Amino acid sequence: MVPDLKRISIEDLLAVPFDVVARSIADFIEKYFNDSGAKKAIIGLSGGLDSSVTLRLLVDAVGSDRVIGVIMPDTRVTPTEDVDDAVELSRDLGVEYMIIPIDDVVNSYRVIPGFDVNEKLSTGNLRARIRMNILYYLANKLNGVVIGTGDRSEILLGYFTKYGDGGVDILPIACLYKTQVREMGRYLGLPVRITSKPSSPRLWRDHLAEEELGLSYNMVDLVFYSLIDKGLSMEEAVDATGLPLNVFEKVLTLHRRSRHKRRLPPIPSLPWLPQPIREI
């Protein structure tokens, strides 16, 4: 037991001025958008929490007329209510949207020997990469930037598909943990059916994030908040949060194994070229 250590709970993560957060994120989006010279902001919409919060902040930053929402269901795995939620929110915000089913695109990969559309991980990640390709096609065609919807919890866990939903130009809500994004959604007045919806990448049927991780986002966020934001040692963090040590170990294992997702691919150095890639 670490003496005189303040208890840390989810309430500590949520005790932030969400009006200031919303304005800061909107300012960030607006500056990036203007600096890029882009005409359109292209965002993939799933009907889930993260993309809905990002969409609302995006509209606040650059206006609904400069945003295009892209809904890309695979009808074998995407619930119709998710599509309905994405459509309804787009309409409420005055955002142009398009629905592009990706079933046939996924099926086209049957040219790969041994391809199995029912494989969870490989085909699930393929769906995410197909969606990224569609978003960048539209961005190239319409002089746009691709807006990512990953949050801080997902980025730190590596809970995203490399060159899939991780393939974006900016990540506006990656400064917020999942629990904070949910609270931001409430602050912004998003529909309860969205703010209360369980997190899911929808890469396969009945896919739920917390079920796959074997951890709740409350746990994940407390681990990262105590170690990163508060700078506590492992012993101090275990004591302050009340979470068991094995939860910390599991979260840190996921974090460390996914470092490659948060970095550019490694490049060898040469005796006369110690820094093969350098900004000038």
Protein backbone atom coordinates (compact mmCIF):
# COMPACT_ATOMS: atom_id res chain seq x y z
CA MET A 1 0.00 0.00 0.00
CA VAL A 2 1.34 3.39 -1.05
CA PRO A 3 0.62 5.91 1.74
CA ASP A 4 -1.33 9.18 1.23
CA LEU A 5 -2.13 8.53 -2.45
CA LYS A 6 -5.27 10.14 -3.84
CA ARG A 7 -7.84 7.71 -5.19
CA ILE A 8 -8.32 7.89 -8.97
CA SER A 9 -11.68 7.11 -10.59
CA ILE A 10 -13.44 7.62 -13.92
CA GLU A 11 -14.93 10.81 -12.48
CA ASP A 12 -11.43 12.31 -12.57
CA LEU A 13 -11.20 11.70 -16.31
CA LEU A 14 -14.61 13.26 -16.86
CA ALA A 15 -13.88 16.37 -14.77
CA VAL A 16 -12.72 18.37 -17.78
CA PRO A 17 -14.36 21.49 -19.28
CA PHE A 18 -15.95 19.91 -22.34
CA ASP A 19 -16.78 23.34 -23.78
CA VAL A 20 -13.07 24.15 -23.87
CA VAL A 21 -12.25 20.70 -25.27
CA ALA A 22 -14.84 21.05 -28.03
CA ARG A 23 -13.56 24.49 -29.02
CA SER A 24 -9.92 23.34 -28.97
CA ILE A 25 -10.67 20.37 -31.22
CA ALA A 26 -12.75 22.49 -33.59
CA ASP A 27 -9.92 25.06 -33.81
CA PHE A 28 -7.45 22.25 -34.52
CA ILE A 29 -9.63 20.88 -37.33
CA GLU A 30 -10.22 24.31 -38.83
CA LYS A 31 -6.50 25.16 -38.86
CA TYR A 32 -5.49 21.86 -40.42
CA PHE A 33 -8.28 22.11 -42.98
CA ASN A 34 -7.34 25.64 -43.99
CA ASP A 35 -3.59 24.98 -44.03
CA SER A 36 -4.12 21.96 -46.29
CA GLY A 37 -6.04 23.94 -48.87
CA ALA A 38 -8.64 21.18 -49.00
CA LYS A 39 -12.16 21.83 -50.16
CA LYS A 40 -13.85 18.88 -48.48
CA ALA A 41 -13.53 16.89 -45.27
CA ILE A 42 -14.15 13.19 -45.91
CA ILE A 43 -15.21 11.09 -42.93
CA GLY A 44 -16.27 7.47 -42.64
CA LEU A 45 -19.45 7.11 -40.59
CA SER A 46 -20.37 3.94 -38.75
CA GLY A 47 -23.30 5.18 -36.69
CA GLY A 48 -21.17 4.60 -33.60
CA LEU A 49 -19.98 6.92 -30.87
CA ASP A 50 -16.55 7.99 -32.15
CA SER A 51 -17.52 8.82 -35.72
CA SER A 52 -20.67 10.61 -34.55
CA VAL A 53 -18.79 12.82 -32.08
CA THR A 54 -16.11 13.53 -34.69
CA LEU A 55 -18.74 14.42 -37.28
CA ARG A 56 -20.41 16.92 -34.96
CA LEU A 57 -17.07 18.56 -34.08
CA LEU A 58 -16.15 18.61 -37.77
CA VAL A 59 -19.35 20.43 -38.69
CA ASP A 60 -18.75 22.94 -35.89
CA ALA A 61 -15.23 23.54 -37.23
CA VAL A 62 -15.68 23.87 -41.00
CA GLY A 63 -19.42 23.90 -41.64
CA SER A 64 -21.73 21.17 -42.90
CA ASP A 65 -21.37 22.21 -46.55
CA ARG A 66 -17.68 21.22 -46.57
CA VAL A 67 -18.20 17.77 -45.05
CA ILE A 68 -19.00 14.49 -46.79
CA GLY A 69 -19.98 11.48 -44.71
CA VAL A 70 -19.31 8.05 -46.19
CA ILE A 71 -21.27 5.09 -44.83
CA MET A 72 -19.71 1.78 -45.92
CA PRO A 73 -21.66 -1.22 -44.64
CA ASP A 74 -20.98 -4.83 -45.39
CA THR A 75 -24.56 -6.02 -45.10
CA ARG A 76 -23.42 -9.40 -43.76
CA VAL A 77 -21.95 -7.85 -40.62
CA THR A 78 -23.22 -4.25 -40.34
CA PRO A 79 -26.48 -3.85 -38.39
CA THR A 80 -29.09 -1.83 -40.30
CA GLU A 81 -29.65 0.33 -37.23
CA ASP A 82 -26.03 1.54 -37.44
CA VAL A 83 -26.60 2.69 -41.01
CA ASP A 84 -29.88 4.32 -39.97
CA ASP A 85 -28.15 6.18 -37.11
CA ALA A 86 -25.40 7.45 -39.42
CA VAL A 87 -27.95 8.62 -41.99
CA GLU A 88 -30.17 10.33 -39.45
CA LEU A 89 -27.29 12.18 -37.80
CA SER A 90 -25.98 13.32 -41.19
CA ARG A 91 -29.39 14.66 -42.09
CA ASP A 92 -29.80 16.37 -38.72
CA LEU A 93 -26.45 18.12 -39.21
CA GLY A 94 -27.10 18.99 -42.84
CA VAL A 95 -24.17 16.90 -44.07
CA GLU A 96 -23.99 15.39 -47.54
CA TYR A 97 -23.63 11.64 -47.22
CA MET A 98 -23.34 8.59 -49.41
CA ILE A 99 -23.95 4.92 -48.70
CA ILE A 100 -21.46 2.59 -50.37
CA PRO A 101 -22.01 -1.10 -49.56
CA ILE A 102 -18.69 -2.95 -49.69
CA ASP A 103 -20.02 -6.52 -49.98
CA ASP A 104 -18.98 -6.90 -53.63
CA VAL A 105 -15.56 -5.35 -53.00
CA VAL A 106 -14.91 -7.82 -50.19
CA ASN A 107 -16.11 -10.68 -52.41
CA SER A 108 -13.69 -9.62 -55.16
CA TYR A 109 -10.81 -10.74 -52.94
CA ARG A 110 -11.80 -14.34 -53.65
CA VAL A 111 -9.07 -14.19 -56.29
CA ILE A 112 -6.66 -14.76 -53.37
CA PRO A 113 -5.96 -18.49 -52.91
CA GLY A 114 -7.56 -19.71 -49.71
CA PHE A 115 -9.63 -16.56 -49.19
CA ASP A 116 -12.42 -17.13 -46.67
CA VAL A 117 -14.97 -14.37 -46.23
CA ASN A 118 -15.94 -15.81 -42.85
CA GLU A 119 -12.48 -15.50 -41.29
CA LYS A 120 -12.88 -12.95 -38.52
CA LEU A 121 -9.52 -11.23 -38.21
CA SER A 122 -8.11 -11.27 -41.74
CA THR A 123 -11.39 -10.47 -43.49
CA GLY A 124 -12.37 -8.01 -40.75
CA ASN A 125 -9.15 -6.06 -41.24
CA LEU A 126 -9.68 -6.27 -45.00
CA ARG A 127 -13.02 -4.50 -44.56
CA ALA A 128 -11.29 -1.68 -42.68
CA ARG A 129 -8.65 -1.35 -45.42
CA ILE A 130 -11.27 -1.33 -48.17
CA ARG A 131 -13.03 1.52 -46.38
CA MET A 132 -9.76 3.44 -46.14
CA ASN A 133 -9.24 3.02 -49.90
CA ILE A 134 -12.69 4.38 -50.63
CA LEU A 135 -12.16 7.40 -48.38
CA TYR A 136 -8.85 8.25 -50.03
CA TYR A 137 -10.29 7.79 -53.50
CA LEU A 138 -12.94 10.36 -52.66
CA ALA A 139 -10.40 12.64 -50.99
CA ASN A 140 -8.20 12.58 -54.11
CA LYS A 141 -11.17 13.12 -56.40
CA LEU A 142 -12.73 15.96 -54.39
CA ASN A 143 -9.56 17.66 -53.06
CA GLY A 144 -10.35 16.51 -49.56
CA VAL A 145 -8.69 15.36 -46.36
CA VAL A 146 -9.57 12.11 -44.60
CA ILE A 147 -10.73 12.67 -41.05
CA GLY A 148 -9.96 9.87 -38.60
CA THR A 149 -12.30 8.89 -35.81
CA GLY A 150 -10.00 6.95 -33.47
CA ASP A 151 -9.89 7.96 -29.81
CA ARG A 152 -6.95 8.02 -27.41
CA SER A 153 -7.79 4.67 -25.82
CA GLU A 154 -7.84 2.92 -29.19
CA ILE A 155 -4.63 4.56 -30.36
CA LEU A 156 -2.74 3.66 -27.18
CA LEU A 157 -4.07 0.09 -27.24
CA GLY A 158 -3.37 -0.31 -30.94
CA TYR A 159 -7.04 -1.22 -31.30
CA PHE A 160 -7.32 -0.18 -34.91
CA THR A 161 -6.40 -1.67 -38.27
CA LYS A 162 -3.00 -0.69 -39.63
CA TYR A 163 -3.61 1.04 -42.98
CA GLY A 164 -7.32 0.67 -42.33
CA ASP A 165 -9.08 3.00 -39.91
CA GLY A 166 -5.54 3.98 -38.87
CA GLY A 167 -4.95 5.34 -42.38
CA VAL A 168 -6.12 8.94 -42.05
CA ASP A 169 -4.85 12.51 -42.28
CA ILE A 170 -5.82 13.76 -38.81
CA LEU A 171 -7.22 12.27 -35.60
CA PRO A 172 -9.30 15.02 -33.95
CA ILE A 173 -10.55 13.03 -30.94
CA ALA A 174 -7.34 11.10 -30.25
CA CYS A 175 -6.76 13.52 -27.38
CA LEU A 176 -9.77 12.01 -25.57
CA TYR A 177 -10.12 8.64 -23.87
CA LYS A 178 -13.14 6.53 -24.83
CA THR A 179 -14.99 7.39 -21.63
CA GLN A 180 -14.38 11.08 -22.31
CA VAL A 181 -15.63 10.75 -25.90
CA ARG A 182 -18.86 9.23 -24.57
CA GLU A 183 -19.27 12.17 -22.20
CA MET A 184 -18.44 14.58 -25.02
CA GLY A 185 -21.25 13.02 -27.03
CA ARG A 186 -23.64 13.75 -24.21
CA TYR A 187 -22.33 17.31 -23.92
CA LEU A 188 -22.87 17.83 -27.64
CA GLY A 189 -26.44 16.57 -27.37
CA LEU A 190 -26.08 13.51 -29.58
CA PRO A 191 -28.94 10.98 -29.47
CA VAL A 192 -28.89 8.65 -26.47
CA ARG A 193 -29.01 5.62 -28.75
CA ILE A 194 -25.57 6.70 -30.05
CA THR A 195 -23.97 7.83 -26.78
CA SER A 196 -25.06 4.61 -25.05
CA LYS A 197 -24.16 2.27 -27.92
CA PRO A 198 -21.49 -0.33 -27.05
CA SER A 199 -18.20 0.28 -28.86
CA SER A 200 -17.73 -1.92 -31.92
CA PRO A 201 -15.53 -1.77 -35.04
CA ARG A 202 -18.16 -3.99 -36.77
CA LEU A 203 -15.47 -5.95 -38.58
CA TRP A 204 -17.48 -9.15 -38.19
CA ARG A 205 -20.96 -10.09 -37.05
CA ASP A 206 -21.73 -9.26 -33.40
CA HIS A 207 -18.27 -7.73 -32.98
CA LEU A 208 -17.97 -5.87 -29.66
CA ALA A 209 -14.77 -4.09 -28.63
CA GLU A 210 -14.82 -4.79 -24.89
CA GLU A 211 -15.66 -8.44 -25.52
CA GLU A 212 -12.70 -8.83 -27.88
CA LEU A 213 -10.34 -6.95 -25.58
CA GLY A 214 -11.50 -8.76 -22.46
CA LEU A 215 -11.41 -5.39 -20.71
CA SER A 216 -13.85 -2.55 -20.15
CA TYR A 217 -12.88 0.89 -21.40
CA ASN A 218 -13.29 2.15 -17.83
CA MET A 219 -10.41 -0.13 -16.90
CA VAL A 220 -8.32 0.73 -19.95
CA ASP A 221 -8.76 4.46 -19.45
CA LEU A 222 -7.90 4.32 -15.75
CA VAL A 223 -4.71 2.40 -16.51
CA PHE A 224 -3.50 4.89 -19.13
CA TYR A 225 -4.69 7.94 -17.19
CA SER A 226 -2.90 6.90 -14.00
CA LEU A 227 0.35 5.91 -15.72
CA ILE A 228 0.54 8.57 -18.46
CA ASP A 229 -1.46 11.60 -17.34
CA LYS A 230 -0.73 11.32 -13.63
CA GLY A 231 2.77 9.85 -14.06
CA LEU A 232 2.34 7.22 -11.35
CA SER A 233 4.47 4.15 -10.97
CA MET A 234 2.81 0.78 -11.50
CA GLU A 235 2.58 0.20 -7.75
CA GLU A 236 1.10 3.64 -7.14
CA ALA A 237 -1.37 3.28 -10.01
CA VAL A 238 -2.62 -0.10 -8.81
CA ASP A 239 -3.18 1.34 -5.36
CA ALA A 240 -4.80 4.57 -6.56
CA THR A 241 -7.22 2.96 -9.02
CA GLY A 242 -8.03 -0.21 -7.13
CA LEU A 243 -7.59 -2.22 -10.33
CA PRO A 244 -5.78 -5.55 -10.09
CA LEU A 245 -2.22 -5.79 -11.32
CA ASN A 246 -3.14 -8.25 -14.08
CA VAL A 247 -5.38 -5.59 -15.69
CA PHE A 248 -2.41 -3.21 -15.87
CA GLU A 249 -0.22 -5.97 -17.29
CA LYS A 250 -2.76 -6.84 -19.98
CA VAL A 251 -3.25 -3.21 -21.05
CA LEU A 252 0.51 -2.59 -21.17
CA THR A 253 1.04 -5.78 -23.18
CA LEU A 254 -1.47 -4.58 -25.79
CA HIS A 255 0.14 -1.15 -25.80
CA ARG A 256 3.69 -2.43 -26.26
CA ARG A 257 2.82 -5.04 -28.88
CA SER A 258 1.11 -2.39 -31.01
CA ARG A 259 3.94 0.16 -31.07
CA HIS A 260 4.55 -0.59 -34.74
CA LYS A 261 1.08 0.81 -35.52
CA ARG A 262 1.98 4.20 -34.07
CA ARG A 263 5.30 4.53 -35.93
CA LEU A 264 6.51 4.83 -39.48
CA PRO A 265 8.00 1.61 -40.87
CA PRO A 266 11.62 1.19 -39.74
CA ILE A 267 14.38 2.06 -42.20
CA PRO A 268 17.98 0.77 -41.96
CA SER A 269 20.79 3.26 -41.48
CA LEU A 270 24.10 3.12 -43.34
CA PRO A 271 27.59 3.96 -42.01
CA TRP A 272 27.55 7.22 -43.98
CA LEU A 273 23.79 7.80 -43.55
CA PRO A 274 22.86 7.51 -39.88
CA GLN A 275 19.55 9.31 -40.43
CA PRO A 276 18.07 7.87 -43.64
CA ILE A 277 14.96 10.06 -43.44
CA ARG A 278 15.23 13.56 -42.01
CA GLU A 279 13.03 16.62 -42.27
CA ILE A 280 14.74 19.73 -43.67
